[in-house]
Each structure stands twice: as structure tokens, then as C-alpha cells.
Amino acid sequence: MSGADASIIRFDPTTGEAVLWSKRAGLTAGDADIAFSADGHVAATVVQDFENAAAIYAGPVQRLRQITHDNDAMPALVKAKSVA
């Protein structure tokens, strides 16, 4: 998490970190935030925020895309506002 954004980063001690994917949302995947393939190139997660219901995102780590659209028509239950 960086502020309100959830991000997937690659950390290389010689070159530093690189943000591979970021979204202003929360992520869940079973007991973790993101599930990765054995080689680390593909990921899946459930993405949701205060104004959008849960959706499954999956694909190559740098290009995760929304897979499910079952909840797209659900109205927001709350309105979030930063107090910072």
C-alpha cells in the first residue's frame, strides 16, 4: 500500500523498486493480497474499494485486467473522502 493505492512492486536491491501495477483499491486473494503463478509472471486478486463492489482481476502482473463484471451495476454503499 502506498497512501490509498495498492501496488504490485518488484524489488531489486541493485536497481531499487519498480511499480508493476497500481490501483486505488483493496486487494484480497485467500490468505494473501495477491496470488502469483509459480514463475511470478501471472497474478490474480479480488479488487474492491469504497465505491466499487468486488471484482476478480487477473493476468500478466503488469497488465492485470478485470475478469468478472457481476457486480458492476451495484451502487456504491458509501462515499469515501480523504481527510488528509
C-alpha atoms as a PDB file:
ATOM      1  CA  MET A   1       0.000   0.000   0.000  1.00  0.00           C
ATOM      2  CA  SER A   2       1.164   3.466  -0.827  1.00  0.00           C
ATOM      3  CA  GLY A   3      -1.316   6.009   0.501  1.00  0.00           C
ATOM      4  CA  ALA A   4      -4.684   4.815  -0.769  1.00  0.00           C
ATOM      5  CA  ASP A   5      -3.140   2.782  -3.613  1.00  0.00           C
ATOM      6  CA  ALA A   6      -2.475  -0.940  -3.556  1.00  0.00           C
ATOM      7  CA  SER A   7       0.543  -1.742  -5.718  1.00  0.00           C
ATOM      8  CA  ILE A   8       2.491  -4.697  -7.010  1.00  0.00           C
ATOM      9  CA  ILE A   9       6.186  -3.903  -6.948  1.00  0.00           C
ATOM     10  CA  ARG A  10       9.357  -5.696  -7.942  1.00  0.00           C
ATOM     11  CA  PHE A  11      12.264  -5.040  -5.642  1.00  0.00           C
ATOM     12  CA  ASP A  12      15.775  -5.393  -6.937  1.00  0.00           C
ATOM     13  CA  PRO A  13      18.479  -4.465  -4.410  1.00  0.00           C
ATOM     14  CA  THR A  14      20.745  -3.123  -7.154  1.00  0.00           C
ATOM     15  CA  THR A  15      18.240  -1.008  -9.085  1.00  0.00           C
ATOM     16  CA  GLY A  16      15.565  -0.317  -6.449  1.00  0.00           C
ATOM     17  CA  GLU A  17      11.874  -0.976  -6.693  1.00  0.00           C
ATOM     18  CA  ALA A  18       9.674  -0.754  -9.766  1.00  0.00           C
ATOM     19  CA  VAL A  19       5.890  -0.411  -9.589  1.00  0.00           C
ATOM     20  CA  LEU A  20       4.404  -3.031 -11.894  1.00  0.00           C
ATOM     21  CA  TRP A  21       0.697  -2.322 -11.260  1.00  0.00           C
ATOM     22  CA  SER A  22      -1.238   0.066  -9.030  1.00  0.00           C
ATOM     23  CA  LYS A  23      -4.878   0.839  -8.277  1.00  0.00           C
ATOM     24  CA  ARG A  24      -6.716   2.892  -5.651  1.00  0.00           C
ATOM     25  CA  ALA A  25      -8.366  -0.144  -4.016  1.00  0.00           C
ATOM     26  CA  GLY A  26      -8.001  -3.009  -1.600  1.00  0.00           C
ATOM     27  CA  LEU A  27      -6.750  -6.430  -2.707  1.00  0.00           C
ATOM     28  CA  THR A  28      -7.510  -9.921  -1.371  1.00  0.00           C
ATOM     29  CA  ALA A  29      -6.711 -13.449  -2.533  1.00  0.00           C
ATOM     30  CA  GLY A  30      -7.392 -16.144   0.040  1.00  0.00           C
ATOM     31  CA  ASP A  31      -4.875 -15.714   2.863  1.00  0.00           C
ATOM     32  CA  ALA A  32      -2.823 -13.183   0.901  1.00  0.00           C
ATOM     33  CA  ASP A  33      -3.374  -9.969  -1.008  1.00  0.00           C
ATOM     34  CA  ILE A  34      -2.400 -11.435  -4.382  1.00  0.00           C
ATOM     35  CA  ALA A  35      -1.927 -14.969  -5.712  1.00  0.00           C
ATOM     36  CA  PHE A  36       1.039 -15.402  -8.074  1.00  0.00           C
ATOM     37  CA  SER A  37       1.887 -18.156 -10.543  1.00  0.00           C
ATOM     38  CA  ALA A  38       4.959 -20.263  -9.732  1.00  0.00           C
ATOM     39  CA  ASP A  39       7.130 -18.161 -12.066  1.00  0.00           C
ATOM     40  CA  GLY A  40       5.731 -14.866 -10.708  1.00  0.00           C
ATOM     41  CA  HIS A  41       4.614 -13.564 -14.102  1.00  0.00           C
ATOM     42  CA  VAL A  42       0.833 -14.048 -13.684  1.00  0.00           C
ATOM     43  CA  ALA A  43      -1.310 -12.888 -10.756  1.00  0.00           C
ATOM     44  CA  ALA A  44      -4.916 -12.936  -9.568  1.00  0.00           C
ATOM     45  CA  THR A  45      -6.676 -10.939  -6.875  1.00  0.00           C
ATOM     46  CA  VAL A  46     -10.052  -9.584  -5.828  1.00  0.00           C
ATOM     47  CA  VAL A  47     -10.157  -5.786  -6.161  1.00  0.00           C
ATOM     48  CA  GLN A  48     -12.664  -3.583  -4.365  1.00  0.00           C
ATOM     49  CA  ASP A  49     -12.897  -0.086  -2.985  1.00  0.00           C
ATOM     50  CA  PHE A  50     -15.442   2.066  -1.184  1.00  0.00           C
ATOM     51  CA  GLU A  51     -17.339   2.894  -4.356  1.00  0.00           C
ATOM     52  CA  ASN A  52     -16.968  -0.326  -6.402  1.00  0.00           C
ATOM     53  CA  ALA A  53     -18.002  -3.846  -5.430  1.00  0.00           C
ATOM     54  CA  ALA A  54     -15.561  -6.753  -5.606  1.00  0.00           C
ATOM     55  CA  ALA A  55     -14.271  -7.968  -8.979  1.00  0.00           C
ATOM     56  CA  ILE A  56     -11.661 -10.554  -9.910  1.00  0.00           C
ATOM     57  CA  TYR A  57      -8.595  -9.182 -11.691  1.00  0.00           C
ATOM     58  CA  ALA A  58      -6.050 -11.498 -13.308  1.00  0.00           C
ATOM     59  CA  GLY A  59      -3.385 -11.653 -15.975  1.00  0.00           C
ATOM     60  CA  PRO A  60       0.245 -10.764 -16.509  1.00  0.00           C
ATOM     61  CA  VAL A  61       1.417  -8.810 -13.459  1.00  0.00           C
ATOM     62  CA  GLN A  62       1.965  -5.536 -15.334  1.00  0.00           C
ATOM     63  CA  ARG A  63      -1.388  -5.760 -17.120  1.00  0.00           C
ATOM     64  CA  LEU A  64      -3.933  -7.109 -14.611  1.00  0.00           C
ATOM     65  CA  ARG A  65      -7.411  -6.679 -16.018  1.00  0.00           C
ATOM     66  CA  GLN A  66     -10.913  -7.058 -14.670  1.00  0.00           C
ATOM     67  CA  ILE A  67     -12.223 -10.572 -15.382  1.00  0.00           C
ATOM     68  CA  THR A  68     -15.643 -10.570 -13.675  1.00  0.00           C
ATOM     69  CA  HIS A  69     -18.339  -7.940 -14.135  1.00  0.00           C
ATOM     70  CA  ASP A  70     -21.123  -9.451 -11.996  1.00  0.00           C
ATOM     71  CA  ASN A  71     -21.036  -6.544  -9.515  1.00  0.00           C
ATOM     72  CA  ASP A  72     -20.505  -3.648 -11.940  1.00  0.00           C
ATOM     73  CA  ALA A  73     -24.106  -2.419 -11.613  1.00  0.00           C
ATOM     74  CA  MET A  74     -24.088  -2.464  -7.803  1.00  0.00           C
ATOM     75  CA  PRO A  75     -24.492   1.043  -6.369  1.00  0.00           C
ATOM     76  CA  ALA A  76     -21.886   2.427  -4.001  1.00  0.00           C
ATOM     77  CA  LEU A  77     -22.894   1.850  -0.388  1.00  0.00           C
ATOM     78  CA  VAL A  78     -20.741   4.678   0.965  1.00  0.00           C
ATOM     79  CA  LYS A  79     -18.822   7.702  -0.249  1.00  0.00           C
ATOM     80  CA  ALA A  80     -15.165   7.918   0.735  1.00  0.00           C
ATOM     81  CA  LYS A  81     -13.342  11.207   1.224  1.00  0.00           C
ATOM     82  CA  SER A  82      -9.752  11.845   2.208  1.00  0.00           C
ATOM     83  CA  VAL A  83      -9.311  13.800   5.423  1.00  0.00           C
ATOM     84  CA  ALA A  84      -5.589  14.322   4.882  1.00  0.00           C
END
